[in-house]
mmCIF file of all heavy atoms, coordinates in Angstrom:
data_MODEL
# 
_entry.id   MODEL 
# 
loop_
_atom_site.group_PDB 
_atom_site.id 
_atom_site.type_symbol 
_atom_site.label_atom_id 
_atom_site.label_alt_id 
_atom_site.label_comp_id 
_atom_site.label_asym_id 
_atom_site.label_entity_id 
_atom_site.label_seq_id 
_atom_site.pdbx_PDB_ins_code 
_atom_site.Cartn_x 
_atom_site.Cartn_y 
_atom_site.Cartn_z 
_atom_site.occupancy 
_atom_site.B_iso_or_equiv 
_atom_site.pdbx_formal_charge 
_atom_site.auth_seq_id 
_atom_site.auth_comp_id 
_atom_site.auth_asym_id 
_atom_site.auth_atom_id 
_atom_site.pdbx_PDB_model_num 
ATOM 1   N N   . ILE A 1 1  ? -11.361 1.895   9.201   1.00 0.00 ? 1  ILE A N   1 
ATOM 2   C CA  . ILE A 1 1  ? -10.491 1.208   10.147  1.00 0.00 ? 1  ILE A CA  1 
ATOM 3   C C   . ILE A 1 1  ? -9.156  1.934   10.276  1.00 0.00 ? 1  ILE A C   1 
ATOM 4   O O   . ILE A 1 1  ? -8.458  1.814   11.287  1.00 0.00 ? 1  ILE A O   1 
ATOM 5   C CB  . ILE A 1 1  ? -10.280 -0.260  9.716   1.00 0.00 ? 1  ILE A CB  1 
ATOM 6   C CG1 . ILE A 1 1  ? -9.711  -1.079  10.884  1.00 0.00 ? 1  ILE A CG1 1 
ATOM 7   C CG2 . ILE A 1 1  ? -9.363  -0.355  8.502   1.00 0.00 ? 1  ILE A CG2 1 
ATOM 8   C CD1 . ILE A 1 1  ? -9.685  -2.568  10.633  1.00 0.00 ? 1  ILE A CD1 1 
ATOM 9   N N   . SER A 1 2  ? -8.807  2.722   9.242   1.00 0.00 ? 2  SER A N   1 
ATOM 10  C CA  . SER A 1 2  ? -7.578  3.519   9.282   1.00 0.00 ? 2  SER A CA  1 
ATOM 11  C C   . SER A 1 2  ? -7.857  5.011   9.433   1.00 0.00 ? 2  SER A C   1 
ATOM 12  O O   . SER A 1 2  ? -6.944  5.825   9.341   1.00 0.00 ? 2  SER A O   1 
ATOM 13  C CB  . SER A 1 2  ? -6.757  3.273   8.002   1.00 0.00 ? 2  SER A CB  1 
ATOM 14  O OG  . SER A 1 2  ? -6.327  1.932   7.930   1.00 0.00 ? 2  SER A OG  1 
ATOM 15  N N   . GLY A 1 3  ? -9.116  5.378   9.622   1.00 0.00 ? 3  GLY A N   1 
ATOM 16  C CA  . GLY A 1 3  ? -9.461  6.792   9.768   1.00 0.00 ? 3  GLY A CA  1 
ATOM 17  C C   . GLY A 1 3  ? -9.556  7.525   8.450   1.00 0.00 ? 3  GLY A C   1 
ATOM 18  O O   . GLY A 1 3  ? -9.595  8.757   8.415   1.00 0.00 ? 3  GLY A O   1 
ATOM 19  N N   . LEU A 1 4  ? -9.636  6.794   7.326   1.00 0.00 ? 4  LEU A N   1 
ATOM 20  C CA  . LEU A 1 4  ? -9.662  7.439   6.018   1.00 0.00 ? 4  LEU A CA  1 
ATOM 21  C C   . LEU A 1 4  ? -11.061 7.889   5.612   1.00 0.00 ? 4  LEU A C   1 
ATOM 22  O O   . LEU A 1 4  ? -11.254 8.415   4.516   1.00 0.00 ? 4  LEU A O   1 
ATOM 23  C CB  . LEU A 1 4  ? -9.068  6.498   4.962   1.00 0.00 ? 4  LEU A CB  1 
ATOM 24  C CG  . LEU A 1 4  ? -7.588  6.169   5.190   1.00 0.00 ? 4  LEU A CG  1 
ATOM 25  C CD1 . LEU A 1 4  ? -7.091  5.200   4.131   1.00 0.00 ? 4  LEU A CD1 1 
ATOM 26  C CD2 . LEU A 1 4  ? -6.739  7.436   5.187   1.00 0.00 ? 4  LEU A CD2 1 
ATOM 27  N N   . ASP A 1 5  ? -12.033 7.693   6.487   1.00 0.00 ? 5  ASP A N   1 
ATOM 28  C CA  . ASP A 1 5  ? -13.360 8.265   6.253   1.00 0.00 ? 5  ASP A CA  1 
ATOM 29  C C   . ASP A 1 5  ? -13.370 9.761   6.548   1.00 0.00 ? 5  ASP A C   1 
ATOM 30  O O   . ASP A 1 5  ? -14.234 10.488  6.074   1.00 0.00 ? 5  ASP A O   1 
ATOM 31  C CB  . ASP A 1 5  ? -14.403 7.560   7.116   1.00 0.00 ? 5  ASP A CB  1 
ATOM 32  C CG  . ASP A 1 5  ? -14.020 7.496   8.591   1.00 0.00 ? 5  ASP A CG  1 
ATOM 33  O OD1 . ASP A 1 5  ? -12.828 7.681   8.909   1.00 0.00 ? 5  ASP A OD1 1 
ATOM 34  O OD2 . ASP A 1 5  ? -14.902 7.250   9.428   1.00 0.00 ? 5  ASP A OD2 1 
ATOM 35  N N   . ARG A 1 6  ? -12.402 10.226  7.317   1.00 0.00 ? 6  ARG A N   1 
ATOM 36  C CA  . ARG A 1 6  ? -12.357 11.625  7.719   1.00 0.00 ? 6  ARG A CA  1 
ATOM 37  C C   . ARG A 1 6  ? -12.235 12.552  6.511   1.00 0.00 ? 6  ARG A C   1 
ATOM 38  O O   . ARG A 1 6  ? -11.474 12.300  5.594   1.00 0.00 ? 6  ARG A O   1 
ATOM 39  C CB  . ARG A 1 6  ? -11.175 11.853  8.666   1.00 0.00 ? 6  ARG A CB  1 
ATOM 40  C CG  . ARG A 1 6  ? -11.395 11.274  10.043  1.00 0.00 ? 6  ARG A CG  1 
ATOM 41  C CD  . ARG A 1 6  ? -10.147 11.123  10.887  1.00 0.00 ? 6  ARG A CD  1 
ATOM 42  N NE  . ARG A 1 6  ? -9.138  12.141  10.711  1.00 0.00 ? 6  ARG A NE  1 
ATOM 43  C CZ  . ARG A 1 6  ? -7.952  12.102  11.311  1.00 0.00 ? 6  ARG A CZ  1 
ATOM 44  N NH1 . ARG A 1 6  ? -7.641  11.094  12.107  1.00 0.00 ? 6  ARG A NH1 1 
ATOM 45  N NH2 . ARG A 1 6  ? -7.080  13.063  11.103  1.00 0.00 ? 6  ARG A NH2 1 
ATOM 46  N N   . GLY A 1 7  ? -13.034 13.621  6.530   1.00 0.00 ? 7  GLY A N   1 
ATOM 47  C CA  . GLY A 1 7  ? -12.937 14.642  5.498   1.00 0.00 ? 7  GLY A CA  1 
ATOM 48  C C   . GLY A 1 7  ? -13.742 14.385  4.247   1.00 0.00 ? 7  GLY A C   1 
ATOM 49  O O   . GLY A 1 7  ? -13.705 15.193  3.316   1.00 0.00 ? 7  GLY A O   1 
ATOM 50  N N   . ASN A 1 8  ? -14.509 13.283  4.195   1.00 0.00 ? 8  ASN A N   1 
ATOM 51  C CA  . ASN A 1 8  ? -15.271 12.962  2.991   1.00 0.00 ? 8  ASN A CA  1 
ATOM 52  C C   . ASN A 1 8  ? -16.734 13.360  3.122   1.00 0.00 ? 8  ASN A C   1 
ATOM 53  O O   . ASN A 1 8  ? -17.377 13.092  4.150   1.00 0.00 ? 8  ASN A O   1 
ATOM 54  C CB  . ASN A 1 8  ? -15.191 11.461  2.697   1.00 0.00 ? 8  ASN A CB  1 
ATOM 55  C CG  . ASN A 1 8  ? -13.846 11.057  2.134   1.00 0.00 ? 8  ASN A CG  1 
ATOM 56  O OD1 . ASN A 1 8  ? -13.511 11.402  1.016   1.00 0.00 ? 8  ASN A OD1 1 
ATOM 57  N ND2 . ASN A 1 8  ? -13.063 10.336  2.931   1.00 0.00 ? 8  ASN A ND2 1 
ATOM 58  N N   . ASP A 1 9  ? -17.266 14.001  2.073   1.00 0.00 ? 9  ASP A N   1 
ATOM 59  C CA  . ASP A 1 9  ? -18.697 14.321  2.033   1.00 0.00 ? 9  ASP A CA  1 
ATOM 60  C C   . ASP A 1 9  ? -19.528 13.061  1.829   1.00 0.00 ? 9  ASP A C   1 
ATOM 61  O O   . ASP A 1 9  ? -20.608 12.926  2.412   1.00 0.00 ? 9  ASP A O   1 
ATOM 62  C CB  . ASP A 1 9  ? -18.993 15.320  0.909   1.00 0.00 ? 9  ASP A CB  1 
ATOM 63  C CG  . ASP A 1 9  ? -18.411 16.685  1.184   1.00 0.00 ? 9  ASP A CG  1 
ATOM 64  O OD1 . ASP A 1 9  ? -18.512 17.152  2.335   1.00 0.00 ? 9  ASP A OD1 1 
ATOM 65  O OD2 . ASP A 1 9  ? -17.852 17.297  0.258   1.00 0.00 ? 9  ASP A OD2 1 
ATOM 66  N N   . VAL A 1 10 ? -19.080 12.180  0.962   1.00 0.00 ? 10 VAL A N   1 
ATOM 67  C CA  . VAL A 1 10 ? -19.724 10.876  0.786   1.00 0.00 ? 10 VAL A CA  1 
ATOM 68  C C   . VAL A 1 10 ? -18.650 9.810   0.912   1.00 0.00 ? 10 VAL A C   1 
ATOM 69  O O   . VAL A 1 10 ? -17.496 10.020  0.532   1.00 0.00 ? 10 VAL A O   1 
ATOM 70  C CB  . VAL A 1 10 ? -20.478 10.759  -0.563  1.00 0.00 ? 10 VAL A CB  1 
ATOM 71  C CG1 . VAL A 1 10 ? -21.579 11.789  -0.663  1.00 0.00 ? 10 VAL A CG1 1 
ATOM 72  C CG2 . VAL A 1 10 ? -19.530 10.883  -1.735  1.00 0.00 ? 10 VAL A CG2 1 
ATOM 73  N N   . PHE A 1 11 ? -19.044 8.650   1.437   1.00 0.00 ? 11 PHE A N   1 
ATOM 74  C CA  . PHE A 1 11 ? -18.054 7.629   1.770   1.00 0.00 ? 11 PHE A CA  1 
ATOM 75  C C   . PHE A 1 11 ? -18.671 6.254   1.598   1.00 0.00 ? 11 PHE A C   1 
ATOM 76  O O   . PHE A 1 11 ? -19.771 5.993   2.060   1.00 0.00 ? 11 PHE A O   1 
ATOM 77  C CB  . PHE A 1 11 ? -17.588 7.834   3.211   1.00 0.00 ? 11 PHE A CB  1 
ATOM 78  C CG  . PHE A 1 11 ? -16.600 6.807   3.702   1.00 0.00 ? 11 PHE A CG  1 
ATOM 79  C CD1 . PHE A 1 11 ? -15.286 6.834   3.260   1.00 0.00 ? 11 PHE A CD1 1 
ATOM 80  C CD2 . PHE A 1 11 ? -16.994 5.838   4.599   1.00 0.00 ? 11 PHE A CD2 1 
ATOM 81  C CE1 . PHE A 1 11 ? -14.380 5.891   3.721   1.00 0.00 ? 11 PHE A CE1 1 
ATOM 82  C CE2 . PHE A 1 11 ? -16.096 4.908   5.072   1.00 0.00 ? 11 PHE A CE2 1 
ATOM 83  C CZ  . PHE A 1 11 ? -14.784 4.924   4.630   1.00 0.00 ? 11 PHE A CZ  1 
ATOM 84  N N   . ARG A 1 12 ? -17.944 5.378   0.910   1.00 0.00 ? 12 ARG A N   1 
ATOM 85  C CA  . ARG A 1 12 ? -18.383 4.001   0.743   1.00 0.00 ? 12 ARG A CA  1 
ATOM 86  C C   . ARG A 1 12 ? -17.167 3.086   0.885   1.00 0.00 ? 12 ARG A C   1 
ATOM 87  O O   . ARG A 1 12 ? -16.163 3.253   0.204   1.00 0.00 ? 12 ARG A O   1 
ATOM 88  C CB  . ARG A 1 12 ? -19.017 3.808   -0.637  1.00 0.00 ? 12 ARG A CB  1 
ATOM 89  C CG  . ARG A 1 12 ? -19.480 2.352   -0.911  1.00 0.00 ? 12 ARG A CG  1 
ATOM 90  C CD  . ARG A 1 12 ? -18.511 1.632   -1.823  1.00 0.00 ? 12 ARG A CD  1 
ATOM 91  N NE  . ARG A 1 12 ? -18.739 0.202   -1.901  1.00 0.00 ? 12 ARG A NE  1 
ATOM 92  C CZ  . ARG A 1 12 ? -19.606 -0.403  -2.685  1.00 0.00 ? 12 ARG A CZ  1 
ATOM 93  N NH1 . ARG A 1 12 ? -20.313 0.302   -3.513  1.00 0.00 ? 12 ARG A NH1 1 
ATOM 94  N NH2 . ARG A 1 12 ? -19.731 -1.713  -2.669  1.00 0.00 ? 12 ARG A NH2 1 
ATOM 95  N N   . GLU A 1 13 ? -17.252 2.108   1.799   1.00 0.00 ? 13 GLU A N   1 
ATOM 96  C CA  . GLU A 1 13 ? -16.168 1.159   1.992   1.00 0.00 ? 13 GLU A CA  1 
ATOM 97  C C   . GLU A 1 13 ? -16.679 -0.279  2.022   1.00 0.00 ? 13 GLU A C   1 
ATOM 98  O O   . GLU A 1 13 ? -15.972 -1.183  2.444   1.00 0.00 ? 13 GLU A O   1 
ATOM 99  C CB  . GLU A 1 13 ? -15.422 1.454   3.297   1.00 0.00 ? 13 GLU A CB  1 
ATOM 100 C CG  . GLU A 1 13 ? -16.272 1.292   4.543   1.00 0.00 ? 13 GLU A CG  1 
ATOM 101 C CD  . GLU A 1 13 ? -15.499 1.400   5.850   1.00 0.00 ? 13 GLU A CD  1 
ATOM 102 O OE1 . GLU A 1 13 ? -14.252 1.393   5.805   1.00 0.00 ? 13 GLU A OE1 1 
ATOM 103 O OE2 . GLU A 1 13 ? -16.151 1.488   6.914   1.00 0.00 ? 13 GLU A OE2 1 
ATOM 104 N N   . ALA A 1 14 ? -17.909 -0.491  1.587   1.00 0.00 ? 14 ALA A N   1 
ATOM 105 C CA  . ALA A 1 14 ? -18.487 -1.835  1.633   1.00 0.00 ? 14 ALA A CA  1 
ATOM 106 C C   . ALA A 1 14 ? -17.899 -2.711  0.543   1.00 0.00 ? 14 ALA A C   1 
ATOM 107 O O   . ALA A 1 14 ? -17.471 -2.238  -0.508  1.00 0.00 ? 14 ALA A O   1 
ATOM 108 C CB  . ALA A 1 14 ? -20.005 -1.759  1.472   1.00 0.00 ? 14 ALA A CB  1 
ATOM 109 N N   . GLY A 1 15 ? -17.904 -4.006  0.813   1.00 0.00 ? 15 GLY A N   1 
ATOM 110 C CA  . GLY A 1 15 ? -17.498 -4.963  -0.201  1.00 0.00 ? 15 GLY A CA  1 
ATOM 111 C C   . GLY A 1 15 ? -18.545 -5.074  -1.289  1.00 0.00 ? 15 GLY A C   1 
ATOM 112 O O   . GLY A 1 15 ? -19.490 -4.286  -1.369  1.00 0.00 ? 15 GLY A O   1 
ATOM 113 N N   . THR A 1 16 ? -18.395 -6.063  -2.131  1.00 0.00 ? 16 THR A N   1 
ATOM 114 C CA  . THR A 1 16 ? -19.306 -6.248  -3.251  1.00 0.00 ? 16 THR A CA  1 
ATOM 115 C C   . THR A 1 16 ? -19.481 -7.735  -3.501  1.00 0.00 ? 16 THR A C   1 
ATOM 116 O O   . THR A 1 16 ? -18.699 -8.552  -2.997  1.00 0.00 ? 16 THR A O   1 
ATOM 117 C CB  . THR A 1 16 ? -18.756 -5.554  -4.512  1.00 0.00 ? 16 THR A CB  1 
ATOM 118 O OG1 . THR A 1 16 ? -19.669 -5.707  -5.589  1.00 0.00 ? 16 THR A OG1 1 
ATOM 119 C CG2 . THR A 1 16 ? -17.403 -6.137  -4.897  1.00 0.00 ? 16 THR A CG2 1 
ATOM 120 N N   . GLU A 1 17 ? -20.515 -8.109  -4.242  1.00 0.00 ? 17 GLU A N   1 
ATOM 121 C CA  . GLU A 1 17 ? -20.782 -9.523  -4.478  1.00 0.00 ? 17 GLU A CA  1 
ATOM 122 C C   . GLU A 1 17 ? -19.661 -10.181 -5.268  1.00 0.00 ? 17 GLU A C   1 
ATOM 123 O O   . GLU A 1 17 ? -19.347 -11.347 -5.074  1.00 0.00 ? 17 GLU A O   1 
ATOM 124 C CB  . GLU A 1 17 ? -22.120 -9.697  -5.198  1.00 0.00 ? 17 GLU A CB  1 
ATOM 125 C CG  . GLU A 1 17 ? -23.325 -9.292  -4.342  1.00 0.00 ? 17 GLU A CG  1 
ATOM 126 C CD  . GLU A 1 17 ? -24.637 -9.489  -5.064  1.00 0.00 ? 17 GLU A CD  1 
ATOM 127 O OE1 . GLU A 1 17 ? -24.604 -10.016 -6.203  1.00 0.00 ? 17 GLU A OE1 1 
ATOM 128 O OE2 . GLU A 1 17 ? -25.683 -9.140  -4.508  1.00 0.00 ? 17 GLU A OE2 1 
ATOM 129 N N   . ASN A 1 18 ? -19.051 -9.437  -6.181  1.00 0.00 ? 18 ASN A N   1 
ATOM 130 C CA  . ASN A 1 18 ? -17.945 -9.973  -6.974  1.00 0.00 ? 18 ASN A CA  1 
ATOM 131 C C   . ASN A 1 18 ? -16.870 -8.906  -7.060  1.00 0.00 ? 18 ASN A C   1 
ATOM 132 O O   . ASN A 1 18 ? -17.004 -7.924  -7.772  1.00 0.00 ? 18 ASN A O   1 
ATOM 133 C CB  . ASN A 1 18 ? -18.415 -10.377 -8.383  1.00 0.00 ? 18 ASN A CB  1 
ATOM 134 C CG  . ASN A 1 18 ? -17.292 -10.962 -9.223  1.00 0.00 ? 18 ASN A CG  1 
ATOM 135 O OD1 . ASN A 1 18 ? -16.153 -11.071 -8.783  1.00 0.00 ? 18 ASN A OD1 1 
ATOM 136 N ND2 . ASN A 1 18 ? -17.615 -11.349 -10.450 1.00 0.00 ? 18 ASN A ND2 1 
ATOM 137 N N   . TYR A 1 19 ? -15.784 -9.085  -6.287  1.00 0.00 ? 19 TYR A N   1 
ATOM 138 C CA  . TYR A 1 19 ? -14.712 -8.100  -6.270  1.00 0.00 ? 19 TYR A CA  1 
ATOM 139 C C   . TYR A 1 19 ? -14.134 -7.846  -7.653  1.00 0.00 ? 19 TYR A C   1 
ATOM 140 O O   . TYR A 1 19 ? -13.609 -6.762  -7.921  1.00 0.00 ? 19 TYR A O   1 
ATOM 141 C CB  . TYR A 1 19 ? -13.589 -8.595  -5.345  1.00 0.00 ? 19 TYR A CB  1 
ATOM 142 C CG  . TYR A 1 19 ? -13.751 -8.166  -3.907  1.00 0.00 ? 19 TYR A CG  1 
ATOM 143 C CD1 . TYR A 1 19 ? -15.010 -7.930  -3.368  1.00 0.00 ? 19 TYR A CD1 1 
ATOM 144 C CD2 . TYR A 1 19 ? -12.651 -8.011  -3.075  1.00 0.00 ? 19 TYR A CD2 1 
ATOM 145 C CE1 . TYR A 1 19 ? -15.162 -7.551  -2.058  1.00 0.00 ? 19 TYR A CE1 1 
ATOM 146 C CE2 . TYR A 1 19 ? -12.792 -7.622  -1.751  1.00 0.00 ? 19 TYR A CE2 1 
ATOM 147 C CZ  . TYR A 1 19 ? -14.057 -7.388  -1.247  1.00 0.00 ? 19 TYR A CZ  1 
ATOM 148 O OH  . TYR A 1 19 ? -14.207 -6.988  0.054   1.00 0.00 ? 19 TYR A OH  1 
ATOM 149 N N   . SER A 1 20 ? -14.214 -8.835  -8.548  1.00 0.00 ? 20 SER A N   1 
ATOM 150 C CA  . SER A 1 20 ? -13.566 -8.720  -9.854  1.00 0.00 ? 20 SER A CA  1 
ATOM 151 C C   . SER A 1 20 ? -14.246 -7.729  -10.784 1.00 0.00 ? 20 SER A C   1 
ATOM 152 O O   . SER A 1 20 ? -13.711 -7.409  -11.849 1.00 0.00 ? 20 SER A O   1 
ATOM 153 C CB  . SER A 1 20 ? -13.495 -10.095 -10.522 1.00 0.00 ? 20 SER A CB  1 
ATOM 154 O OG  . SER A 1 20 ? -12.707 -10.983 -9.748  1.00 0.00 ? 20 SER A OG  1 
ATOM 155 N N   . ILE A 1 21 ? -15.442 -7.251  -10.414 1.00 0.00 ? 21 ILE A N   1 
ATOM 156 C CA  . ILE A 1 21 ? -16.125 -6.249  -11.243 1.00 0.00 ? 21 ILE A CA  1 
ATOM 157 C C   . ILE A 1 21 ? -16.533 -5.051  -10.388 1.00 0.00 ? 21 ILE A C   1 
ATOM 158 O O   . ILE A 1 21 ? -17.509 -4.361  -10.674 1.00 0.00 ? 21 ILE A O   1 
ATOM 159 C CB  . ILE A 1 21 ? -17.351 -6.846  -11.971 1.00 0.00 ? 21 ILE A CB  1 
ATOM 160 C CG1 . ILE A 1 21 ? -18.327 -7.482  -10.972 1.00 0.00 ? 21 ILE A CG1 1 
ATOM 161 C CG2 . ILE A 1 21 ? -16.917 -7.860  -13.005 1.00 0.00 ? 21 ILE A CG2 1 
ATOM 162 C CD1 . ILE A 1 21 ? -19.641 -7.930  -11.614 1.00 0.00 ? 21 ILE A CD1 1 
ATOM 163 N N   . SER A 1 22 ? -15.758 -4.788  -9.335  1.00 0.00 ? 22 SER A N   1 
ATOM 164 C CA  . SER A 1 22 ? -16.109 -3.712  -8.411  1.00 0.00 ? 22 SER A CA  1 
ATOM 165 C C   . SER A 1 22 ? -16.113 -2.346  -9.072  1.00 0.00 ? 22 SER A C   1 
ATOM 166 O O   . SER A 1 22 ? -16.859 -1.455  -8.679  1.00 0.00 ? 22 SER A O   1 
ATOM 167 C CB  . SER A 1 22 ? -15.127 -3.700  -7.238  1.00 0.00 ? 22 SER A CB  1 
ATOM 168 O OG  . SER A 1 22 ? -13.843 -3.260  -7.654  1.00 0.00 ? 22 SER A OG  1 
ATOM 169 N N   . SER A 1 23 ? -15.263 -2.156  -10.086 1.00 0.00 ? 23 SER A N   1 
ATOM 170 C CA  . SER A 1 23 ? -15.135 -0.828  -10.691 1.00 0.00 ? 23 SER A CA  1 
ATOM 171 C C   . SER A 1 23 ? -16.457 -0.333  -11.253 1.00 0.00 ? 23 SER A C   1 
ATOM 172 O O   . SER A 1 23 ? -16.773 0.857   -11.147 1.00 0.00 ? 23 SER A O   1 
ATOM 173 C CB  . SER A 1 23 ? -14.064 -0.844  -11.783 1.00 0.00 ? 23 SER A CB  1 
ATOM 174 O OG  . SER A 1 23 ? -14.337 -1.827  -12.761 1.00 0.00 ? 23 SER A OG  1 
ATOM 175 N N   . ALA A 1 24 ? -17.245 -1.226  -11.851 1.00 0.00 ? 24 ALA A N   1 
ATOM 176 C CA  . ALA A 1 24 ? -18.532 -0.810  -12.424 1.00 0.00 ? 24 ALA A CA  1 
ATOM 177 C C   . ALA A 1 24 ? -19.446 -0.244  -11.346 1.00 0.00 ? 24 ALA A C   1 
ATOM 178 O O   . ALA A 1 24 ? -20.116 0.780   -11.538 1.00 0.00 ? 24 ALA A O   1 
ATOM 179 C CB  . ALA A 1 24 ? -19.202 -1.991  -13.126 1.00 0.00 ? 24 ALA A CB  1 
ATOM 180 N N   . GLU A 1 25 ? -19.455 -0.883  -10.174 1.00 0.00 ? 25 GLU A N   1 
ATOM 181 C CA  . GLU A 1 25 ? -20.300 -0.432  -9.076  1.00 0.00 ? 25 GLU A CA  1 
ATOM 182 C C   . GLU A 1 25 ? -19.846 0.926   -8.554  1.00 0.00 ? 25 GLU A C   1 
ATOM 183 O O   . GLU A 1 25 ? -20.654 1.829   -8.317  1.00 0.00 ? 25 GLU A O   1 
ATOM 184 C CB  . GLU A 1 25 ? -20.253 -1.485  -7.966  1.00 0.00 ? 25 GLU A CB  1 
ATOM 185 C CG  . GLU A 1 25 ? -21.338 -1.358  -6.934  1.00 0.00 ? 25 GLU A CG  1 
ATOM 186 C CD  . GLU A 1 25 ? -21.393 -2.574  -6.032  1.00 0.00 ? 25 GLU A CD  1 
ATOM 187 O OE1 . GLU A 1 25 ? -21.680 -3.684  -6.524  1.00 0.00 ? 25 GLU A OE1 1 
ATOM 188 O OE2 . GLU A 1 25 ? -21.128 -2.416  -4.817  1.00 0.00 ? 25 GLU A OE2 1 
ATOM 189 N N   . LEU A 1 26 ? -18.541 1.085   -8.384  1.00 0.00 ? 26 LEU A N   1 
ATOM 190 C CA  . LEU A 1 26 ? -18.012 2.344   -7.863  1.00 0.00 ? 26 LEU A CA  1 
ATOM 191 C C   . LEU A 1 26 ? -18.185 3.486   -8.855  1.00 0.00 ? 26 LEU A C   1 
ATOM 192 O O   . LEU A 1 26 ? -18.479 4.620   -8.467  1.00 0.00 ? 26 LEU A O   1 
ATOM 193 C CB  . LEU A 1 26 ? -16.540 2.180   -7.493  1.00 0.00 ? 26 LEU A CB  1 
ATOM 194 C CG  . LEU A 1 26 ? -16.224 1.153   -6.402  1.00 0.00 ? 26 LEU A CG  1 
ATOM 195 C CD1 . LEU A 1 26 ? -14.748 1.198   -6.038  1.00 0.00 ? 26 LEU A CD1 1 
ATOM 196 C CD2 . LEU A 1 26 ? -17.087 1.357   -5.167  1.00 0.00 ? 26 LEU A CD2 1 
# 
């Protein structure tokens, strides 16, 4: 939404089932 996907070989901006443990998924 801010154009920050530009320049990335791989890109993930999806939410998660529980934001409080997002780090493990990433």
